[in-house]
N, C-alpha and C. Protein backbone atom coordinates (compact mmCIF):
# COMPACT_ATOMS: atom_id res chain seq x y z
N MET A 1 -3.85 -4.19 14.73
CA MET A 1 -3.94 -2.64 14.85
C MET A 1 -5.31 -2.37 14.27
N THR A 2 -5.98 -1.25 14.88
CA THR A 2 -7.23 -0.69 14.56
C THR A 2 -7.40 -0.04 13.29
N ASN A 3 -8.61 -0.01 12.83
CA ASN A 3 -8.76 0.65 11.56
C ASN A 3 -8.30 2.09 11.53
N ASP A 4 -8.70 2.71 12.70
CA ASP A 4 -8.47 4.24 12.94
C ASP A 4 -6.75 4.28 12.93
N ALA A 5 -5.97 3.53 13.50
CA ALA A 5 -4.66 3.62 13.69
C ALA A 5 -4.05 3.35 12.42
N ILE A 6 -4.51 2.42 11.52
CA ILE A 6 -4.00 2.20 10.00
C ILE A 6 -4.22 3.47 9.23
N LEU A 7 -5.30 4.03 9.54
CA LEU A 7 -5.58 5.40 8.77
C LEU A 7 -4.56 6.50 9.17
N LYS A 8 -4.38 6.74 10.46
CA LYS A 8 -3.49 7.67 10.88
C LYS A 8 -2.09 7.44 10.51
N GLN A 9 -1.60 6.17 10.56
CA GLN A 9 -0.16 5.72 10.10
C GLN A 9 0.01 6.12 8.79
N LEU A 10 -1.17 5.92 7.91
CA LEU A 10 -1.02 6.23 6.39
C LEU A 10 -1.26 7.83 6.14
N GLY A 11 -1.52 8.61 7.16
CA GLY A 11 -1.71 10.04 6.93
C GLY A 11 -3.05 10.58 6.70
N TYR A 12 -3.94 9.73 7.00
CA TYR A 12 -5.50 10.06 6.73
C TYR A 12 -6.07 10.69 7.89
N THR A 13 -7.05 11.54 7.75
CA THR A 13 -7.97 11.97 8.85
C THR A 13 -8.90 10.84 8.97
N VAL A 14 -9.19 10.55 10.35
CA VAL A 14 -10.17 9.50 10.69
C VAL A 14 -11.63 10.13 10.51
N THR A 15 -12.32 9.92 9.45
CA THR A 15 -13.77 10.22 9.25
C THR A 15 -14.70 9.08 9.07
N GLU A 16 -15.78 9.25 9.15
CA GLU A 16 -16.80 7.81 8.95
C GLU A 16 -16.56 7.47 7.73
N SER A 17 -16.46 8.43 6.55
CA SER A 17 -16.26 7.51 5.28
C SER A 17 -14.97 6.91 5.14
N ALA A 18 -13.73 7.47 5.60
CA ALA A 18 -12.55 6.75 5.61
C ALA A 18 -12.42 5.42 6.36
N MET A 19 -13.12 5.70 7.42
CA MET A 19 -13.36 4.26 8.25
C MET A 19 -14.18 3.21 7.39
N ALA A 20 -15.13 3.56 6.77
CA ALA A 20 -15.92 2.61 5.81
C ALA A 20 -15.04 2.38 4.67
N GLN A 21 -14.38 3.24 4.14
CA GLN A 21 -13.40 2.64 2.98
C GLN A 21 -12.26 1.79 3.36
N VAL A 22 -11.57 1.94 4.56
CA VAL A 22 -10.63 1.05 5.02
C VAL A 22 -11.29 -0.40 5.40
N GLU A 23 -12.48 -0.32 5.92
CA GLU A 23 -13.11 -1.46 6.31
C GLU A 23 -13.39 -2.32 5.13
N LYS A 24 -13.89 -1.73 3.92
CA LYS A 24 -14.00 -2.39 2.55
C LYS A 24 -12.73 -2.99 2.15
N VAL A 25 -11.61 -2.26 2.17
CA VAL A 25 -10.48 -2.46 1.65
C VAL A 25 -9.81 -3.78 2.43
N ILE A 26 -9.87 -3.77 3.69
CA ILE A 26 -9.58 -4.90 4.58
C ILE A 26 -10.25 -6.14 4.24
N LYS A 27 -11.59 -6.11 4.09
CA LYS A 27 -12.28 -7.32 3.65
C LYS A 27 -11.98 -7.78 2.38
N ASN A 28 -11.57 -6.91 1.45
CA ASN A 28 -11.27 -7.35 0.03
C ASN A 28 -9.79 -7.81 0.02
N THR A 29 -8.92 -7.55 0.93
CA THR A 29 -7.61 -7.96 0.95
C THR A 29 -7.43 -9.38 1.45
N ASN A 30 -6.97 -10.23 0.59
CA ASN A 30 -6.87 -11.62 0.96
C ASN A 30 -5.94 -11.68 2.13
N ASN A 31 -6.44 -12.49 3.28
CA ASN A 31 -5.66 -12.78 4.52
C ASN A 31 -5.07 -11.29 4.92
N PHE A 32 -5.69 -10.36 5.16
CA PHE A 32 -5.25 -9.25 5.50
C PHE A 32 -4.38 -9.17 6.62
N ASP A 33 -4.74 -10.09 7.56
CA ASP A 33 -3.97 -10.18 8.86
C ASP A 33 -2.32 -10.51 8.66
N GLN A 34 -2.08 -11.08 7.53
CA GLN A 34 -0.87 -11.39 7.07
C GLN A 34 -0.17 -10.18 6.39
N VAL A 35 -0.83 -9.34 5.82
CA VAL A 35 -0.51 -8.07 5.09
C VAL A 35 -0.32 -7.00 6.01
N GLU A 36 -1.09 -6.91 7.05
CA GLU A 36 -1.19 -5.82 7.94
C GLU A 36 0.22 -5.60 8.72
N LYS A 37 0.70 -6.78 8.91
CA LYS A 37 2.11 -6.75 9.76
C LYS A 37 3.07 -5.90 9.00
N HIS A 38 3.21 -5.98 7.64
CA HIS A 38 4.19 -5.22 6.99
C HIS A 38 3.81 -3.95 6.23
N LEU A 39 2.64 -3.65 6.29
CA LEU A 39 2.01 -2.59 5.45
C LEU A 39 2.57 -1.06 5.83
N ILE A 40 2.39 -0.93 7.27
CA ILE A 40 3.10 0.47 7.79
C ILE A 40 4.55 0.58 7.44
N SER A 41 5.25 -0.50 7.74
CA SER A 41 6.78 -0.37 7.58
C SER A 41 7.15 -0.19 6.06
N LEU A 42 6.32 -0.71 5.05
CA LEU A 42 6.61 -0.38 3.84
C LEU A 42 6.24 1.04 3.49
N HIS A 43 5.34 1.62 3.98
CA HIS A 43 4.92 3.03 4.00
C HIS A 43 5.90 3.98 4.37
N HIS A 44 6.50 3.67 5.61
CA HIS A 44 7.40 4.48 6.17
C HIS A 44 8.66 4.34 5.20
N GLN A 45 9.01 3.15 4.84
CA GLN A 45 10.30 3.12 4.00
C GLN A 45 10.20 3.71 2.54
N LEU A 46 9.10 3.73 1.99
CA LEU A 46 8.79 4.51 0.90
C LEU A 46 8.89 5.96 0.90
N GLN A 47 8.46 6.57 2.06
CA GLN A 47 8.21 8.10 2.22
C GLN A 47 9.62 8.74 1.90
N ALA A 48 10.69 8.06 2.11
CA ALA A 48 12.16 8.67 2.05
C ALA A 48 12.31 8.85 0.56
N HIS A 49 11.35 8.10 -0.37
CA HIS A 49 11.63 8.21 -1.67
C HIS A 49 10.36 9.03 -2.45
N LEU A 50 9.57 9.85 -1.69
CA LEU A 50 8.47 10.34 -2.15
C LEU A 50 7.34 9.60 -2.53
N SER A 51 7.50 8.36 -1.93
CA SER A 51 6.49 7.27 -2.47
C SER A 51 5.67 6.89 -1.23
N TYR A 52 4.51 6.19 -1.38
CA TYR A 52 3.45 5.80 -0.08
C TYR A 52 2.74 4.73 -0.46
N VAL A 53 2.05 4.27 0.81
CA VAL A 53 0.78 3.33 0.51
C VAL A 53 -0.31 4.24 0.81
N ALA A 54 -1.49 4.14 0.00
CA ALA A 54 -2.71 4.84 0.31
C ALA A 54 -3.94 3.87 -0.09
N LEU A 55 -5.04 4.57 0.28
CA LEU A 55 -6.18 3.82 -0.13
C LEU A 55 -6.51 4.05 -1.46
N SER A 56 -6.92 3.27 -2.26
CA SER A 56 -7.14 3.51 -3.75
C SER A 56 -8.74 4.19 -3.84
N SER A 57 -8.69 5.13 -4.80
CA SER A 57 -9.89 5.61 -4.94
C SER A 57 -10.88 4.95 -6.10
N ASN A 58 -10.17 4.02 -6.70
CA ASN A 58 -10.98 3.19 -7.88
C ASN A 58 -11.12 1.86 -7.40
N LYS A 59 -10.51 1.31 -6.77
CA LYS A 59 -10.75 -0.22 -6.38
C LYS A 59 -10.70 -0.28 -4.87
N ASP A 60 -11.30 -1.37 -4.24
CA ASP A 60 -11.15 -1.70 -2.99
C ASP A 60 -9.76 -2.27 -2.49
N TYR A 61 -8.70 -1.63 -2.60
CA TYR A 61 -7.50 -2.12 -2.16
C TYR A 61 -6.48 -0.95 -1.51
N PHE A 62 -5.57 -1.33 -0.97
CA PHE A 62 -4.50 -0.40 -0.66
C PHE A 62 -3.69 -0.28 -1.93
N LYS A 63 -3.04 0.87 -2.19
CA LYS A 63 -2.30 1.00 -3.34
C LYS A 63 -0.95 1.38 -2.94
N ILE A 64 0.06 1.15 -3.58
CA ILE A 64 1.57 1.58 -3.51
C ILE A 64 1.66 2.54 -4.72
N LYS A 65 1.83 3.79 -4.36
CA LYS A 65 2.37 4.96 -5.39
C LYS A 65 3.66 5.16 -5.12
N ASN A 66 4.40 4.86 -6.39
CA ASN A 66 5.76 5.23 -6.81
C ASN A 66 5.92 6.58 -7.18
N GLU A 67 6.08 7.61 -6.59
CA GLU A 67 6.24 9.01 -6.99
C GLU A 67 7.66 9.64 -6.95
N ALA A 68 8.87 8.55 -6.98
CA ALA A 68 10.03 9.00 -6.99
C ALA A 68 10.40 9.95 -8.23
N LYS A 69 11.37 10.67 -8.06
CA LYS A 69 11.89 11.56 -9.26
C LYS A 69 13.17 10.91 -9.96
N GLY A 70 13.04 10.85 -11.28
CA GLY A 70 14.21 10.45 -11.89
C GLY A 70 14.37 8.76 -12.05
N THR A 71 14.65 8.54 -13.41
CA THR A 71 14.57 6.97 -13.67
C THR A 71 15.18 6.26 -12.74
N ALA A 72 16.57 6.45 -12.25
CA ALA A 72 17.09 5.63 -11.18
C ALA A 72 16.49 5.39 -9.88
N MET A 73 15.86 6.47 -9.25
CA MET A 73 15.11 6.50 -8.12
C MET A 73 13.72 5.66 -8.39
N ILE A 74 13.03 5.97 -9.47
CA ILE A 74 11.79 5.16 -9.77
C ILE A 74 12.15 3.68 -9.84
N SER A 75 13.11 3.32 -10.52
CA SER A 75 13.54 1.87 -10.56
C SER A 75 13.98 1.29 -9.14
N GLU A 76 14.62 2.10 -8.44
CA GLU A 76 15.01 1.65 -6.97
C GLU A 76 13.78 1.29 -6.23
N VAL A 77 12.83 2.38 -6.25
CA VAL A 77 11.51 2.05 -5.46
C VAL A 77 10.80 0.98 -5.98
N ASN A 78 10.75 0.63 -7.45
CA ASN A 78 10.00 -0.51 -7.89
C ASN A 78 10.76 -1.65 -7.34
N GLU A 79 12.02 -1.72 -7.05
CA GLU A 79 12.64 -2.94 -6.66
C GLU A 79 12.46 -3.07 -5.26
N ILE A 80 12.40 -2.05 -4.40
CA ILE A 80 11.89 -2.08 -3.14
C ILE A 80 10.55 -2.84 -2.68
N ILE A 81 9.71 -2.32 -3.74
CA ILE A 81 8.40 -2.90 -3.90
C ILE A 81 8.32 -4.34 -4.01
N ALA A 82 8.93 -4.70 -5.14
CA ALA A 82 9.14 -6.10 -5.55
C ALA A 82 9.71 -6.95 -4.40
N ARG A 83 10.73 -6.33 -3.61
CA ARG A 83 11.26 -7.42 -2.78
C ARG A 83 10.58 -7.50 -1.50
N TRP A 84 9.76 -6.33 -1.25
CA TRP A 84 8.83 -6.38 -0.15
C TRP A 84 7.77 -7.47 -0.33
N SER A 85 7.11 -7.44 -1.56
CA SER A 85 5.95 -8.49 -2.07
C SER A 85 6.70 -9.80 -2.01
N ASP A 86 7.80 -10.18 -2.41
CA ASP A 86 8.51 -11.60 -2.49
C ASP A 86 8.82 -11.86 -1.08
N LYS A 87 9.42 -11.03 -0.33
CA LYS A 87 9.77 -11.41 1.08
C LYS A 87 8.65 -11.89 2.04
N TYR A 88 7.52 -10.94 1.76
CA TYR A 88 6.43 -11.31 2.66
C TYR A 88 5.15 -12.12 2.03
N LYS A 89 5.63 -12.47 0.84
CA LYS A 89 4.53 -13.42 0.06
C LYS A 89 3.19 -12.64 -0.13
N ILE A 90 3.32 -11.36 -0.40
CA ILE A 90 2.14 -10.39 -0.72
C ILE A 90 2.00 -10.09 -2.21
N GLY A 91 0.76 -10.55 -2.60
CA GLY A 91 0.40 -10.30 -4.08
C GLY A 91 0.12 -8.84 -4.45
N ILE A 92 0.75 -8.36 -5.34
CA ILE A 92 0.49 -6.83 -5.92
C ILE A 92 0.27 -7.14 -7.42
N GLU A 93 -0.40 -5.92 -7.87
CA GLU A 93 -1.06 -6.08 -9.33
C GLU A 93 -0.53 -4.75 -9.68
N LYS A 94 0.18 -4.56 -10.79
CA LYS A 94 0.83 -3.25 -11.29
C LYS A 94 -0.44 -2.58 -12.24
N VAL A 95 -0.42 -1.31 -11.98
CA VAL A 95 -1.57 -0.56 -12.82
C VAL A 95 -0.92 -0.26 -14.26
N ASP A 96 -1.49 -0.63 -15.10
CA ASP A 96 -0.95 -0.44 -16.56
C ASP A 96 -0.42 1.20 -16.77
N GLY A 97 0.73 1.31 -17.26
CA GLY A 97 1.26 2.38 -17.61
C GLY A 97 1.57 3.48 -16.48
N ARG A 98 1.47 2.92 -15.33
CA ARG A 98 1.92 3.70 -14.22
C ARG A 98 2.89 2.77 -13.22
N ASP A 99 3.44 3.67 -12.37
CA ASP A 99 4.25 2.99 -11.17
C ASP A 99 3.56 2.99 -9.97
N THR A 100 2.44 2.27 -10.10
CA THR A 100 1.30 2.22 -9.10
C THR A 100 1.07 0.77 -8.94
N TYR A 101 0.78 0.27 -7.90
CA TYR A 101 0.45 -1.23 -7.45
C TYR A 101 -0.84 -1.30 -6.55
N TYR A 102 -1.54 -2.31 -6.79
CA TYR A 102 -2.60 -2.60 -5.87
C TYR A 102 -2.04 -3.70 -5.06
N ILE A 103 -2.33 -3.74 -3.68
CA ILE A 103 -2.14 -4.82 -2.79
C ILE A 103 -3.29 -5.72 -2.70
N ILE A 104 -2.99 -6.83 -3.40
CA ILE A 104 -4.19 -7.69 -3.49
C ILE A 104 -4.31 -8.78 -2.28
N GLY A 105 -3.27 -9.19 -1.76
CA GLY A 105 -3.35 -9.76 -0.45
C GLY A 105 -2.24 -10.77 -0.16
N TYR A 106 -2.24 -11.56 0.79
CA TYR A 106 -1.26 -12.61 1.08
C TYR A 106 -1.49 -13.72 0.07
N LYS A 107 -0.22 -14.31 -0.62
CA LYS A 107 -0.31 -15.25 -1.58
C LYS A 107 -0.57 -16.60 -1.02
């Protein structure tokens, strides 16, 4: 998938700065070719729960934002994320105090 296609699938407008950011994120993601296969499907699955995959504004990683409402739904989304990570062997790092995760790359 091309970088502009990734941006579009994640809901971003394709701009020069967004293209530069996604390029940095891809280079920083361990074995991105293994992650790329599953990134967009996770994004689509999470959208039904008010959650999504995005570009991080703090680090050069994709991030997973769990913005589900209610304790039960937040737990369910965290479980979806954990199963996705385990199934596809993709390393994630939880942000302290938040239901947000950085996608580090293929384990």
